[in-house]
Amino acid sequence: MALDDSRPIWIQLAENFGQKIICGEWEPGVKIPSVRELALEQGVNPNTIQRALNKLDDDGLTVPSRAQGRFVTDDESVIQRRREEAATALTDRHIAAVQGLGLNLDGAANLLKQRWISSN
């Protein structure tokens, strides 16, 4: 994962790990890698990983267990809500960019439909 120097690393990692959950790479109820494993994988300090994982706990995406580690929530409604929030944020950025290019709603919708079809 390429990190952006302008934003705190732990926030970027939390976003990346959250993406793994909402996209299904880390499935509901499954134990996620340990802090040490993730720190080695990401090449960062374990404290940075811990901070990112605490954010996921606060967001309800993961559930810590003292004896067993940390698990992806099995509450599908939490994951679905986060998926919709992420899709909304992407859509809002897309709308702003397309409006900046001068396209109207019909033009943008047609372009999106064409690209959607060609991507499948």
PDB file of N, CA and C in Angstrom:
ATOM      1  N   MET A   1       0.842  -1.175   0.000  1.00  0.00           N
ATOM      2  CA  MET A   1       0.000   0.000   0.000  1.00  0.00           C
ATOM      3  C   MET A   1       0.886   1.236   0.000  1.00  0.00           C
ATOM      4  N   ALA A   2       0.656   2.121  -0.926  1.00  0.00           N
ATOM      5  CA  ALA A   2       1.407   3.375  -0.997  1.00  0.00           C
ATOM      6  C   ALA A   2       0.795   4.373  -0.016  1.00  0.00           C
ATOM      7  N   LEU A   3       1.651   4.948   0.815  1.00  0.00           N
ATOM      8  CA  LEU A   3       1.176   5.885   1.829  1.00  0.00           C
ATOM      9  C   LEU A   3       1.393   7.317   1.371  1.00  0.00           C
ATOM     10  N   ASP A   4       0.467   8.167   1.749  1.00  0.00           N
ATOM     11  CA  ASP A   4       0.479   9.589   1.412  1.00  0.00           C
ATOM     12  C   ASP A   4       1.065  10.353   2.593  1.00  0.00           C
ATOM     13  N   ASP A   5       2.156  11.070   2.371  1.00  0.00           N
ATOM     14  CA  ASP A   5       2.833  11.787   3.448  1.00  0.00           C
ATOM     15  C   ASP A   5       2.002  12.913   4.045  1.00  0.00           C
ATOM     16  N   SER A   6       0.969  13.365   3.364  1.00  0.00           N
ATOM     17  CA  SER A   6       0.202  14.508   3.844  1.00  0.00           C
ATOM     18  C   SER A   6      -0.865  14.118   4.872  1.00  0.00           C
ATOM     19  N   ARG A   7      -1.088  12.825   5.067  1.00  0.00           N
ATOM     20  CA  ARG A   7      -2.114  12.354   5.998  1.00  0.00           C
ATOM     21  C   ARG A   7      -1.503  11.373   6.990  1.00  0.00           C
ATOM     22  N   PRO A   8      -2.004  11.356   8.233  1.00  0.00           N
ATOM     23  CA  PRO A   8      -1.473  10.407   9.214  1.00  0.00           C
ATOM     24  C   PRO A   8      -1.555   8.965   8.702  1.00  0.00           C
ATOM     25  N   ILE A   9      -0.473   8.230   8.926  1.00  0.00           N
ATOM     26  CA  ILE A   9      -0.397   6.849   8.445  1.00  0.00           C
ATOM     27  C   ILE A   9      -1.497   5.991   9.047  1.00  0.00           C
ATOM     28  N   TRP A  10      -1.752   6.154  10.332  1.00  0.00           N
ATOM     29  CA  TRP A  10      -2.756   5.301  10.979  1.00  0.00           C
ATOM     30  C   TRP A  10      -4.134   5.488  10.360  1.00  0.00           C
ATOM     31  N   ILE A  11      -4.453   6.701   9.919  1.00  0.00           N
ATOM     32  CA  ILE A  11      -5.748   6.937   9.271  1.00  0.00           C
ATOM     33  C   ILE A  11      -5.793   6.227   7.923  1.00  0.00           C
ATOM     34  N   GLN A  12      -4.700   6.311   7.175  1.00  0.00           N
ATOM     35  CA  GLN A  12      -4.643   5.640   5.879  1.00  0.00           C
ATOM     36  C   GLN A  12      -4.761   4.123   6.046  1.00  0.00           C
ATOM     37  N   LEU A  13      -4.100   3.590   7.069  1.00  0.00           N
ATOM     38  CA  LEU A  13      -4.186   2.155   7.326  1.00  0.00           C
ATOM     39  C   LEU A  13      -5.598   1.756   7.751  1.00  0.00           C
ATOM     40  N   ALA A  14      -6.218   2.564   8.599  1.00  0.00           N
ATOM     41  CA  ALA A  14      -7.589   2.271   9.014  1.00  0.00           C
ATOM     42  C   ALA A  14      -8.521   2.254   7.803  1.00  0.00           C
ATOM     43  N   GLU A  15      -8.335   3.198   6.908  1.00  0.00           N
ATOM     44  CA  GLU A  15      -9.152   3.236   5.688  1.00  0.00           C
ATOM     45  C   GLU A  15      -8.904   1.995   4.830  1.00  0.00           C
ATOM     46  N   ASN A  16      -7.640   1.617   4.693  1.00  0.00           N
ATOM     47  CA  ASN A  16      -7.283   0.436   3.905  1.00  0.00           C
ATOM     48  C   ASN A  16      -7.874  -0.835   4.511  1.00  0.00           C
ATOM     49  N   PHE A  17      -7.743  -0.985   5.821  1.00  0.00           N
ATOM     50  CA  PHE A  17      -8.291  -2.168   6.483  1.00  0.00           C
ATOM     51  C   PHE A  17      -9.814  -2.163   6.416  1.00  0.00           C
ATOM     52  N   GLY A  18     -10.422  -0.991   6.571  1.00  0.00           N
ATOM     53  CA  GLY A  18     -11.874  -0.891   6.445  1.00  0.00           C
ATOM     54  C   GLY A  18     -12.335  -1.281   5.056  1.00  0.00           C
ATOM     55  N   GLN A  19     -11.560  -0.898   4.061  1.00  0.00           N
ATOM     56  CA  GLN A  19     -11.872  -1.269   2.672  1.00  0.00           C
ATOM     57  C   GLN A  19     -11.829  -2.786   2.501  1.00  0.00           C
ATOM     58  N   LYS A  20     -10.870  -3.429   3.143  1.00  0.00           N
ATOM     59  CA  LYS A  20     -10.785  -4.885   3.066  1.00  0.00           C
ATOM     60  C   LYS A  20     -12.049  -5.532   3.628  1.00  0.00           C
ATOM     61  N   ILE A  21     -12.613  -4.903   4.655  1.00  0.00           N
ATOM     62  CA  ILE A  21     -13.829  -5.436   5.267  1.00  0.00           C
ATOM     63  C   ILE A  21     -15.034  -5.188   4.376  1.00  0.00           C
ATOM     64  N   ILE A  22     -15.218  -3.954   3.915  1.00  0.00           N
ATOM     65  CA  ILE A  22     -16.436  -3.677   3.138  1.00  0.00           C
ATOM     66  C   ILE A  22     -16.415  -4.321   1.764  1.00  0.00           C
ATOM     67  N   CYS A  23     -15.234  -4.659   1.267  1.00  0.00           N
ATOM     68  CA  CYS A  23     -15.142  -5.349  -0.028  1.00  0.00           C
ATOM     69  C   CYS A  23     -15.159  -6.871   0.119  1.00  0.00           C
ATOM     70  N   GLY A  24     -15.138  -7.353   1.357  1.00  0.00           N
ATOM     71  CA  GLY A  24     -15.235  -8.793   1.585  1.00  0.00           C
ATOM     72  C   GLY A  24     -13.923  -9.535   1.604  1.00  0.00           C
ATOM     73  N   GLU A  25     -12.794  -8.834   1.472  1.00  0.00           N
ATOM     74  CA  GLU A  25     -11.498  -9.511   1.562  1.00  0.00           C
ATOM     75  C   GLU A  25     -11.301 -10.086   2.971  1.00  0.00           C
ATOM     76  N   TRP A  26     -11.700  -9.292   3.969  1.00  0.00           N
ATOM     77  CA  TRP A  26     -11.761  -9.781   5.354  1.00  0.00           C
ATOM     78  C   TRP A  26     -13.236 -10.023   5.635  1.00  0.00           C
ATOM     79  N   GLU A  27     -13.645 -11.280   5.685  1.00  0.00           N
ATOM     80  CA  GLU A  27     -15.051 -11.652   5.776  1.00  0.00           C
ATOM     81  C   GLU A  27     -15.604 -11.510   7.195  1.00  0.00           C
ATOM     82  N   PRO A  28     -16.933 -11.316   7.300  1.00  0.00           N
ATOM     83  CA  PRO A  28     -17.563 -11.189   8.616  1.00  0.00           C
ATOM     84  C   PRO A  28     -17.255 -12.385   9.519  1.00  0.00           C
ATOM     85  N   GLY A  29     -16.933 -12.084  10.775  1.00  0.00           N
ATOM     86  CA  GLY A  29     -16.672 -13.119  11.764  1.00  0.00           C
ATOM     87  C   GLY A  29     -15.283 -13.724  11.736  1.00  0.00           C
ATOM     88  N   VAL A  30     -14.481 -13.353  10.743  1.00  0.00           N
ATOM     89  CA  VAL A  30     -13.157 -13.948  10.579  1.00  0.00           C
ATOM     90  C   VAL A  30     -12.124 -13.183  11.409  1.00  0.00           C
ATOM     91  N   LYS A  31     -11.186 -13.917  11.980  1.00  0.00           N
ATOM     92  CA  LYS A  31     -10.100 -13.300  12.735  1.00  0.00           C
ATOM     93  C   LYS A  31      -9.161 -12.597  11.757  1.00  0.00           C
ATOM     94  N   ILE A  32      -8.799 -11.358  12.093  1.00  0.00           N
ATOM     95  CA  ILE A  32      -7.870 -10.631  11.237  1.00  0.00           C
ATOM     96  C   ILE A  32      -6.444 -10.878  11.719  1.00  0.00           C
ATOM     97  N   PRO A  33      -5.457 -10.588  10.880  1.00  0.00           N
ATOM     98  CA  PRO A  33      -4.060 -10.800  11.304  1.00  0.00           C
ATOM     99  C   PRO A  33      -3.735  -9.998  12.563  1.00  0.00           C
ATOM    100  N   SER A  34      -2.751 -10.478  13.298  1.00  0.00           N
ATOM    101  CA  SER A  34      -2.350  -9.818  14.539  1.00  0.00           C
ATOM    102  C   SER A  34      -1.694  -8.465  14.251  1.00  0.00           C
ATOM    103  N   VAL A  35      -1.578  -7.664  15.297  1.00  0.00           N
ATOM    104  CA  VAL A  35      -0.920  -6.365  15.184  1.00  0.00           C
ATOM    105  C   VAL A  35       0.493  -6.550  14.650  1.00  0.00           C
ATOM    106  N   ARG A  36       1.215  -7.508  15.188  1.00  0.00           N
ATOM    107  CA  ARG A  36       2.596  -7.752  14.745  1.00  0.00           C
ATOM    108  C   ARG A  36       2.660  -8.166  13.282  1.00  0.00           C
ATOM    109  N   GLU A  37       1.758  -9.054  12.878  1.00  0.00           N
ATOM    110  CA  GLU A  37       1.731  -9.487  11.480  1.00  0.00           C
ATOM    111  C   GLU A  37       1.448  -8.314  10.540  1.00  0.00           C
ATOM    112  N   LEU A  38       0.461  -7.510  10.907  1.00  0.00           N
ATOM    113  CA  LEU A  38       0.120  -6.359  10.068  1.00  0.00           C
ATOM    114  C   LEU A  38       1.248  -5.332  10.034  1.00  0.00           C
ATOM    115  N   ALA A  39       1.919  -5.139  11.164  1.00  0.00           N
ATOM    116  CA  ALA A  39       3.039  -4.184  11.210  1.00  0.00           C
ATOM    117  C   ALA A  39       4.164  -4.636  10.281  1.00  0.00           C
ATOM    118  N   LEU A  40       4.473  -5.918  10.313  1.00  0.00           N
ATOM    119  CA  LEU A  40       5.511  -6.447   9.413  1.00  0.00           C
ATOM    120  C   LEU A  40       5.076  -6.324   7.952  1.00  0.00           C
ATOM    121  N   GLU A  41       3.829  -6.677   7.681  1.00  0.00           N
ATOM    122  CA  GLU A  41       3.294  -6.620   6.314  1.00  0.00           C
ATOM    123  C   GLU A  41       3.306  -5.195   5.768  1.00  0.00           C
ATOM    124  N   GLN A  42       2.943  -4.219   6.618  1.00  0.00           N
ATOM    125  CA  GLN A  42       2.835  -2.829   6.179  1.00  0.00           C
ATOM    126  C   GLN A  42       4.143  -2.049   6.339  1.00  0.00           C
ATOM    127  N   GLY A  43       5.087  -2.610   7.083  1.00  0.00           N
ATOM    128  CA  GLY A  43       6.364  -1.941   7.300  1.00  0.00           C
ATOM    129  C   GLY A  43       6.261  -0.721   8.195  1.00  0.00           C
ATOM    130  N   VAL A  44       5.386  -0.811   9.205  1.00  0.00           N
ATOM    131  CA  VAL A  44       5.199   0.306  10.130  1.00  0.00           C
ATOM    132  C   VAL A  44       5.300  -0.190  11.570  1.00  0.00           C
ATOM    133  N   ASN A  45       5.344   0.758  12.491  1.00  0.00           N
ATOM    134  CA  ASN A  45       5.418   0.464  13.911  1.00  0.00           C
ATOM    135  C   ASN A  45       4.122  -0.206  14.377  1.00  0.00           C
ATOM    136  N   PRO A  46       4.206  -1.214  15.254  1.00  0.00           N
ATOM    137  CA  PRO A  46       2.992  -1.854  15.771  1.00  0.00           C
ATOM    138  C   PRO A  46       2.017  -0.877  16.429  1.00  0.00           C
ATOM    139  N   ASN A  47       2.533   0.182  17.059  1.00  0.00           N
ATOM    140  CA  ASN A  47       1.647   1.165  17.676  1.00  0.00           C
ATOM    141  C   ASN A  47       0.773   1.870  16.636  1.00  0.00           C
ATOM    142  N   THR A  48       1.319   2.066  15.445  1.00  0.00           N
ATOM    143  CA  THR A  48       0.554   2.684  14.355  1.00  0.00           C
ATOM    144  C   THR A  48      -0.573   1.754  13.924  1.00  0.00           C
ATOM    145  N   ILE A  49      -0.281   0.466  13.827  1.00  0.00           N
ATOM    146  CA  ILE A  49      -1.305  -0.531  13.484  1.00  0.00           C
ATOM    147  C   ILE A  49      -2.372  -0.561  14.567  1.00  0.00           C
ATOM    148  N   GLN A  50      -1.944  -0.556  15.824  1.00  0.00           N
ATOM    149  CA  GLN A  50      -2.895  -0.605  16.932  1.00  0.00           C
ATOM    150  C   GLN A  50      -3.859   0.573  16.882  1.00  0.00           C
ATOM    151  N   ARG A  51      -3.331   1.735  16.575  1.00  0.00           N
ATOM    152  CA  ARG A  51      -4.171   2.929  16.472  1.00  0.00           C
ATOM    153  C   ARG A  51      -5.188   2.787  15.338  1.00  0.00           C
ATOM    154  N   ALA A  52      -4.748   2.244  14.201  1.00  0.00           N
ATOM    155  CA  ALA A  52      -5.654   2.020  13.070  1.00  0.00           C
ATOM    156  C   ALA A  52      -6.741   1.012  13.438  1.00  0.00           C
ATOM    157  N   LEU A  53      -6.358  -0.055  14.119  1.00  0.00           N
ATOM    158  CA  LEU A  53      -7.330  -1.072  14.504  1.00  0.00           C
ATOM    159  C   LEU A  53      -8.301  -0.555  15.561  1.00  0.00           C
ATOM    160  N   ASN A  54      -7.823   0.303  16.446  1.00  0.00           N
ATOM    161  CA  ASN A  54      -8.723   0.917  17.430  1.00  0.00           C
ATOM    162  C   ASN A  54      -9.808   1.726  16.728  1.00  0.00           C
ATOM    163  N   LYS A  55      -9.437   2.383  15.627  1.00  0.00           N
ATOM    164  CA  LYS A  55     -10.415   3.141  14.833  1.00  0.00           C
ATOM    165  C   LYS A  55     -11.474   2.201  14.263  1.00  0.00           C
ATOM    166  N   LEU A  56     -11.032   1.037  13.773  1.00  0.00           N
ATOM    167  CA  LEU A  56     -11.996   0.059  13.245  1.00  0.00           C
ATOM    168  C   LEU A  56     -12.923  -0.435  14.349  1.00  0.00           C
ATOM    169  N   ASP A  57     -12.362  -0.635  15.557  1.00  0.00           N
ATOM    170  CA  ASP A  57     -13.194  -1.026  16.703  1.00  0.00           C
ATOM    171  C   ASP A  57     -14.233   0.052  16.985  1.00  0.00           C
ATOM    172  N   ASP A  58     -13.777   1.312  17.024  1.00  0.00           N
ATOM    173  CA  ASP A  58     -14.676   2.439  17.300  1.00  0.00           C
ATOM    174  C   ASP A  58     -15.772   2.550  16.248  1.00  0.00           C
ATOM    175  N   ASP A  59     -15.429   2.228  15.005  1.00  0.00           N
ATOM    176  CA  ASP A  59     -16.393   2.286  13.900  1.00  0.00           C
ATOM    177  C   ASP A  59     -17.319   1.075  13.860  1.00  0.00           C
ATOM    178  N   GLY A  60     -17.048   0.079  14.700  1.00  0.00           N
ATOM    179  CA  GLY A  60     -17.886  -1.111  14.746  1.00  0.00           C
ATOM    180  C   GLY A  60     -17.568  -2.149  13.693  1.00  0.00           C
ATOM    181  N   LEU A  61     -16.471  -1.953  12.957  1.00  0.00           N
ATOM    182  CA  LEU A  61     -16.110  -2.906  11.901  1.00  0.00           C
ATOM    183  C   LEU A  61     -15.366  -4.120  12.446  1.00  0.00           C
ATOM    184  N   THR A  62     -14.694  -3.959  13.573  1.00  0.00           N
ATOM    185  CA  THR A  62     -13.988  -5.080  14.195  1.00  0.00           C
ATOM    186  C   THR A  62     -14.381  -5.168  15.662  1.00  0.00           C
ATOM    187  N   VAL A  63     -14.169  -6.362  16.208  1.00  0.00           N
ATOM    188  CA  VAL A  63     -14.492  -6.631  17.601  1.00  0.00           C
ATOM    189  C   VAL A  63     -13.272  -7.281  18.245  1.00  0.00           C
ATOM    190  N   PRO A  64     -12.677  -6.614  19.237  1.00  0.00           N
ATOM    191  CA  PRO A  64     -11.509  -7.207  19.894  1.00  0.00           C
ATOM    192  C   PRO A  64     -11.929  -8.258  20.921  1.00  0.00           C
ATOM    193  N   SER A  65     -11.083  -9.263  21.064  1.00  0.00           N
ATOM    194  CA  SER A  65     -11.276 -10.290  22.085  1.00  0.00           C
ATOM    195  C   SER A  65      -9.927 -10.502  22.751  1.00  0.00           C
ATOM    196  N   ARG A  66      -9.859 -10.238  24.030  1.00  0.00           N
ATOM    197  CA  ARG A  66      -8.574 -10.313  24.735  1.00  0.00           C
ATOM    198  C   ARG A  66      -7.844 -11.625  24.498  1.00  0.00           C
ATOM    199  N   ALA A  67      -8.551 -12.707  24.622  1.00  0.00           N
ATOM    200  CA  ALA A  67      -7.903 -14.011  24.556  1.00  0.00           C
ATOM    201  C   ALA A  67      -7.679 -14.518  23.135  1.00  0.00           C
ATOM    202  N   GLN A  68      -8.482 -14.032  22.184  1.00  0.00           N
ATOM    203  CA  GLN A  68      -8.453 -14.644  20.860  1.00  0.00           C
ATOM    204  C   GLN A  68      -8.006 -13.738  19.734  1.00  0.00           C
ATOM    205  N   GLY A  69      -7.861 -12.468  19.969  1.00  0.00           N
ATOM    206  CA  GLY A  69      -7.459 -11.551  18.901  1.00  0.00           C
ATOM    207  C   GLY A  69      -8.582 -10.610  18.521  1.00  0.00           C
ATOM    208  N   ARG A  70      -8.604 -10.229  17.279  1.00  0.00           N
ATOM    209  CA  ARG A  70      -9.591  -9.261  16.787  1.00  0.00           C
ATOM    210  C   ARG A  70     -10.306  -9.887  15.591  1.00  0.00           C
ATOM    211  N   PHE A  71     -11.616  -9.672  15.548  1.00  0.00           N
ATOM    212  CA  PHE A  71     -12.449 -10.279  14.513  1.00  0.00           C
ATOM    213  C   PHE A  71     -13.233  -9.211  13.758  1.00  0.00           C
ATOM    214  N   VAL A  72     -13.481  -9.490  12.484  1.00  0.00           N
ATOM    215  CA  VAL A  72     -14.383  -8.646  11.706  1.00  0.00           C
ATOM    216  C   VAL A  72     -15.773  -8.836  12.302  1.00  0.00           C
ATOM    217  N   THR A  73     -16.512  -7.740  12.438  1.00  0.00           N
ATOM    218  CA  THR A  73     -17.867  -7.852  12.966  1.00  0.00           C
ATOM    219  C   THR A  73     -18.679  -8.827  12.123  1.00  0.00           C
ATOM    220  N   ASP A  74     -19.592  -9.514  12.784  1.00  0.00           N
ATOM    221  CA  ASP A  74     -20.492 -10.375  12.017  1.00  0.00           C
ATOM    222  C   ASP A  74     -21.836  -9.686  11.793  1.00  0.00           C
ATOM    223  N   ASP A  75     -21.898  -8.399  12.157  1.00  0.00           N
ATOM    224  CA  ASP A  75     -23.097  -7.594  11.942  1.00  0.00           C
ATOM    225  C   ASP A  75     -23.063  -7.038  10.515  1.00  0.00           C
ATOM    226  N   GLU A  76     -23.760  -7.726   9.631  1.00  0.00           N
ATOM    227  CA  GLU A  76     -23.766  -7.352   8.209  1.00  0.00           C
ATOM    228  C   GLU A  76     -24.323  -5.947   7.981  1.00  0.00           C
ATOM    229  N   SER A  77     -25.219  -5.492   8.857  1.00  0.00           N
ATOM    230  CA  SER A  77     -25.798  -4.163   8.670  1.00  0.00           C
ATOM    231  C   SER A  77     -24.746  -3.070   8.863  1.00  0.00           C
ATOM    232  N   VAL A  78     -23.801  -3.287   9.764  1.00  0.00           N
ATOM    233  CA  VAL A  78     -22.710  -2.321   9.964  1.00  0.00           C
ATOM    234  C   VAL A  78     -21.844  -2.261   8.716  1.00  0.00           C
ATOM    235  N   ILE A  79     -21.510  -3.417   8.181  1.00  0.00           N
ATOM    236  CA  ILE A  79     -20.674  -3.477   6.978  1.00  0.00           C
ATOM    237  C   ILE A  79     -21.409  -2.847   5.791  1.00  0.00           C
ATOM    238  N   GLN A  80     -22.686  -3.160   5.649  1.00  0.00           N
ATOM    239  CA  GLN A  80     -23.467  -2.603   4.539  1.00  0.00           C
ATOM    240  C   GLN A  80     -23.561  -1.090   4.646  1.00  0.00           C
ATOM    241  N   ARG A  81     -23.770  -0.584   5.854  1.00  0.00           N
ATOM    242  CA  ARG A  81     -23.846   0.870   6.044  1.00  0.00           C
ATOM    243  C   ARG A  81     -22.532   1.534   5.657  1.00  0.00           C
ATOM    244  N   ARG A  82     -21.410   0.943   6.049  1.00  0.00           N
ATOM    245  CA  ARG A  82     -20.095   1.486   5.700  1.00  0.00           C
ATOM    246  C   ARG A  82     -19.866   1.402   4.190  1.00  0.00           C
ATOM    247  N   ARG A  83     -20.323   0.334   3.561  1.00  0.00           N
ATOM    248  CA  ARG A  83     -20.194   0.181   2.103  1.00  0.00           C
ATOM    249  C   ARG A  83     -20.962   1.294   1.398  1.00  0.00           C
ATOM    250  N   GLU A  84     -22.167   1.565   1.868  1.00  0.00           N
ATOM    251  CA  GLU A  84     -22.981   2.625   1.270  1.00  0.00           C
ATOM    252  C   GLU A  84     -22.349   3.995   1.497  1.00  0.00           C
ATOM    253  N   GLU A  85     -21.784   4.226   2.680  1.00  0.00           N
ATOM    254  CA  GLU A  85     -21.107   5.496   2.958  1.00  0.00           C
ATOM    255  C   GLU A  85     -19.915   5.694   2.019  1.00  0.00           C
ATOM    256  N   ALA A  86     -19.145   4.626   1.801  1.00  0.00           N
ATOM    257  CA  ALA A  86     -17.985   4.712   0.905  1.00  0.00           C
ATOM    258  C   ALA A  86     -18.438   4.972  -0.528  1.00  0.00           C
ATOM    259  N   ALA A  87     -19.491   4.284  -0.959  1.00  0.00           N
ATOM    260  CA  ALA A  87     -20.007   4.490  -2.326  1.00  0.00           C
ATOM    261  C   ALA A  87     -20.547   5.904  -2.500  1.00  0.00           C
ATOM    262  N   THR A  88     -21.190   6.426  -1.483  1.00  0.00           N
ATOM    263  CA  THR A  88     -21.719   7.795  -1.547  1.00  0.00           C
ATOM    264  C   THR A  88     -20.581   8.796  -1.667  1.00  0.00           C
ATOM    265  N   ALA A  89     -19.532   8.612  -0.877  1.00  0.00           N
ATOM    266  CA  ALA A  89     -18.385   9.531  -0.935  1.00  0.00           C
ATOM    267  C   ALA A  89     -17.730   9.505  -2.313  1.00  0.00           C
ATOM    268  N   LEU A  90     -17.560   8.308  -2.875  1.00  0.00           N
ATOM    269  CA  LEU A  90     -16.988   8.200  -4.226  1.00  0.00           C
ATOM    270  C   LEU A  90     -17.892   8.870  -5.260  1.00  0.00           C
ATOM    271  N   THR A  91     -19.180   8.650  -5.136  1.00  0.00           N
ATOM    272  CA  THR A  91     -20.131   9.232  -6.073  1.00  0.00           C
ATOM    273  C   THR A  91     -20.116  10.755  -5.995  1.00  0.00           C
ATOM    274  N   ASP A  92     -20.056  11.279  -4.778  1.00  0.00           N
ATOM    275  CA  ASP A  92     -20.023  12.734  -4.614  1.00  0.00           C
ATOM    276  C   ASP A  92     -18.775  13.339  -5.265  1.00  0.00           C
ATOM    277  N   ARG A  93     -17.629  12.669  -5.100  1.00  0.00           N
ATOM    278  CA  ARG A  93     -16.400  13.165  -5.734  1.00  0.00           C
ATOM    279  C   ARG A  93     -16.512  13.081  -7.256  1.00  0.00           C
ATOM    280  N   HIS A  94     -17.100  12.019  -7.751  1.00  0.00           N
ATOM    281  CA  HIS A  94     -17.289  11.842  -9.189  1.00  0.00           C
ATOM    282  C   HIS A  94     -18.198  12.938  -9.749  1.00  0.00           C
ATOM    283  N   ILE A  95     -19.293  13.204  -9.063  1.00  0.00           N
ATOM    284  CA  ILE A  95     -20.232  14.236  -9.515  1.00  0.00           C
ATOM    285  C   ILE A  95     -19.529  15.587  -9.608  1.00  0.00           C
ATOM    286  N   ALA A  96     -18.774  15.923  -8.565  1.00  0.00           N
ATOM    287  CA  ALA A  96     -18.074  17.216  -8.559  1.00  0.00           C
ATOM    288  C   ALA A  96     -17.094  17.308  -9.723  1.00  0.00           C
ATOM    289  N   ALA A  97     -16.368  16.227  -9.981  1.00  0.00           N
ATOM    290  CA  ALA A  97     -15.382  16.240 -11.071  1.00  0.00           C
ATOM    291  C   ALA A  97     -16.064  16.356 -12.424  1.00  0.00           C
ATOM    292  N   VAL A  98     -17.133  15.606 -12.631  1.00  0.00           N
ATOM    293  CA  VAL A  98     -17.838  15.625 -13.912  1.00  0.00           C
ATOM    294  C   VAL A  98     -18.508  16.977 -14.129  1.00  0.00           C
ATOM    295  N   GLN A  99     -19.076  17.548 -13.076  1.00  0.00           N
ATOM    296  CA  GLN A  99     -19.671  18.881 -13.204  1.00  0.00           C
ATOM    297  C   GLN A  99     -18.591  19.900 -13.561  1.00  0.00           C
ATOM    298  N   GLY A 100     -17.412  19.723 -12.999  1.00  0.00           N
ATOM    299  CA  GLY A 100     -16.299  20.613 -13.315  1.00  0.00           C
ATOM    300  C   GLY A 100     -15.885  20.542 -14.770  1.00  0.00           C
ATOM    301  N   LEU A 101     -16.161  19.433 -15.409  1.00  0.00           N
ATOM    302  CA  LEU A 101     -15.866  19.278 -16.838  1.00  0.00           C
ATOM    303  C   LEU A 101     -16.988  19.825 -17.714  1.00  0.00           C
ATOM    304  N   GLY A 102     -18.071  20.228 -17.085  1.00  0.00           N
ATOM    305  CA  GLY A 102     -19.175  20.830 -17.835  1.00  0.00           C
ATOM    306  C   GLY A 102     -20.226  19.855 -18.322  1.00  0.00           C
ATOM    307  N   LEU A 103     -20.173  18.594 -17.897  1.00  0.00           N
ATOM    308  CA  LEU A 103     -21.189  17.637 -18.318  1.00  0.00           C
ATOM    309  C   LEU A 103     -22.463  17.851 -17.516  1.00  0.00           C
ATOM    310  N   ASN A 104     -23.609  17.640 -18.180  1.00  0.00           N
ATOM    311  CA  ASN A 104     -24.880  17.697 -17.465  1.00  0.00           C
ATOM    312  C   ASN A 104     -25.233  16.294 -16.974  1.00  0.00           C
ATOM    313  N   LEU A 105     -26.353  16.171 -16.269  1.00  0.00           N
ATOM    314  CA  LEU A 105     -26.750  14.889 -15.690  1.00  0.00           C
ATOM    315  C   LEU A 105     -26.920  13.815 -16.757  1.00  0.00           C
ATOM    316  N   ASP A 106     -27.574  14.137 -17.851  1.00  0.00           N
ATOM    317  CA  ASP A 106     -27.799  13.151 -18.912  1.00  0.00           C
ATOM    318  C   ASP A 106     -26.471  12.676 -19.511  1.00  0.00           C
ATOM    319  N   GLY A 107     -25.584  13.611 -19.782  1.00  0.00           N
ATOM    320  CA  GLY A 107     -24.282  13.238 -20.337  1.00  0.00           C
ATOM    321  C   GLY A 107     -23.478  12.370 -19.382  1.00  0.00           C
ATOM    322  N   ALA A 108     -23.494  12.733 -18.112  1.00  0.00           N
ATOM    323  CA  ALA A 108     -22.762  11.955 -17.115  1.00  0.00           C
ATOM    324  C   ALA A 108     -23.369  10.565 -16.949  1.00  0.00           C
ATOM    325  N   ALA A 109     -24.704  10.491 -16.937  1.00  0.00           N
ATOM    326  CA  ALA A 109     -25.379   9.197 -16.780  1.00  0.00           C
ATOM    327  C   ALA A 109     -25.089   8.285 -17.968  1.00  0.00           C
ATOM    328  N   ASN A 110     -25.116   8.847 -19.172  1.00  0.00           N
ATOM    329  CA  ASN A 110     -24.822   8.047 -20.366  1.00  0.00           C
ATOM    330  C   ASN A 110     -23.384   7.534 -20.342  1.00  0.00           C
ATOM    331  N   LEU A 111     -22.463   8.403 -19.963  1.00  0.00           N
ATOM    332  CA  LEU A 111     -21.063   7.999 -19.882  1.00  0.00           C
ATOM    333  C   LEU A 111     -20.870   6.904 -18.841  1.00  0.00           C
ATOM    334  N   LEU A 112     -21.476   7.073 -17.683  1.00  0.00           N
ATOM    335  CA  LEU A 112     -21.376   6.059 -16.635  1.00  0.00           C
ATOM    336  C   LEU A 112     -21.939   4.722 -17.116  1.00  0.00           C
ATOM    337  N   LYS A 113     -23.096   4.768 -17.761  1.00  0.00           N
ATOM    338  CA  LYS A 113     -23.711   3.535 -18.259  1.00  0.00           C
ATOM    339  C   LYS A 113     -22.796   2.843 -19.279  1.00  0.00           C
ATOM    340  N   GLN A 114     -22.228   3.606 -20.210  1.00  0.00           N
ATOM    341  CA  GLN A 114     -21.330   3.033 -21.213  1.00  0.00           C
ATOM    342  C   GLN A 114     -20.114   2.385 -20.556  1.00  0.00           C
ATOM    343  N   ARG A 115     -19.512   3.091 -19.612  1.00  0.00           N
ATOM    344  CA  ARG A 115     -18.311   2.572 -18.943  1.00  0.00           C
ATOM    345  C   ARG A 115     -18.652   1.340 -18.103  1.00  0.00           C
ATOM    346  N   TRP A 116     -19.822   1.369 -17.459  1.00  0.00           N
ATOM    347  CA  TRP A 116     -20.258   0.239 -16.634  1.00  0.00           C
ATOM    348  C   TRP A 116     -20.378  -1.009 -17.499  1.00  0.00           C
ATOM    349  N   ILE A 117     -21.029  -0.863 -18.638  1.00  0.00           N
ATOM    350  CA  ILE A 117     -21.237  -1.995 -19.545  1.00  0.00           C
ATOM    351  C   ILE A 117     -19.904  -2.500 -20.090  1.00  0.00           C
ATOM    352  N   SER A 118     -19.026  -1.587 -20.468  1.00  0.00           N
ATOM    353  CA  SER A 118     -17.747  -2.016 -21.047  1.00  0.00           C
ATOM    354  C   SER A 118     -16.803  -2.631 -20.007  1.00  0.00           C
ATOM    355  N   SER A 119     -17.049  -2.376 -18.729  1.00  0.00           N
ATOM    356  CA  SER A 119     -16.169  -2.943 -17.699  1.00  0.00           C
ATOM    357  C   SER A 119     -16.543  -4.373 -17.340  1.00  0.00           C
ATOM    358  N   ASN A 120     -17.708  -4.804 -17.780  1.00  0.00           N
ATOM    359  CA  ASN A 120     -18.156  -6.169 -17.454  1.00  0.00           C
ATOM    360  C   ASN A 120     -17.882  -7.092 -18.551  1.00  0.00           C
TER     361      ASN A 120
END
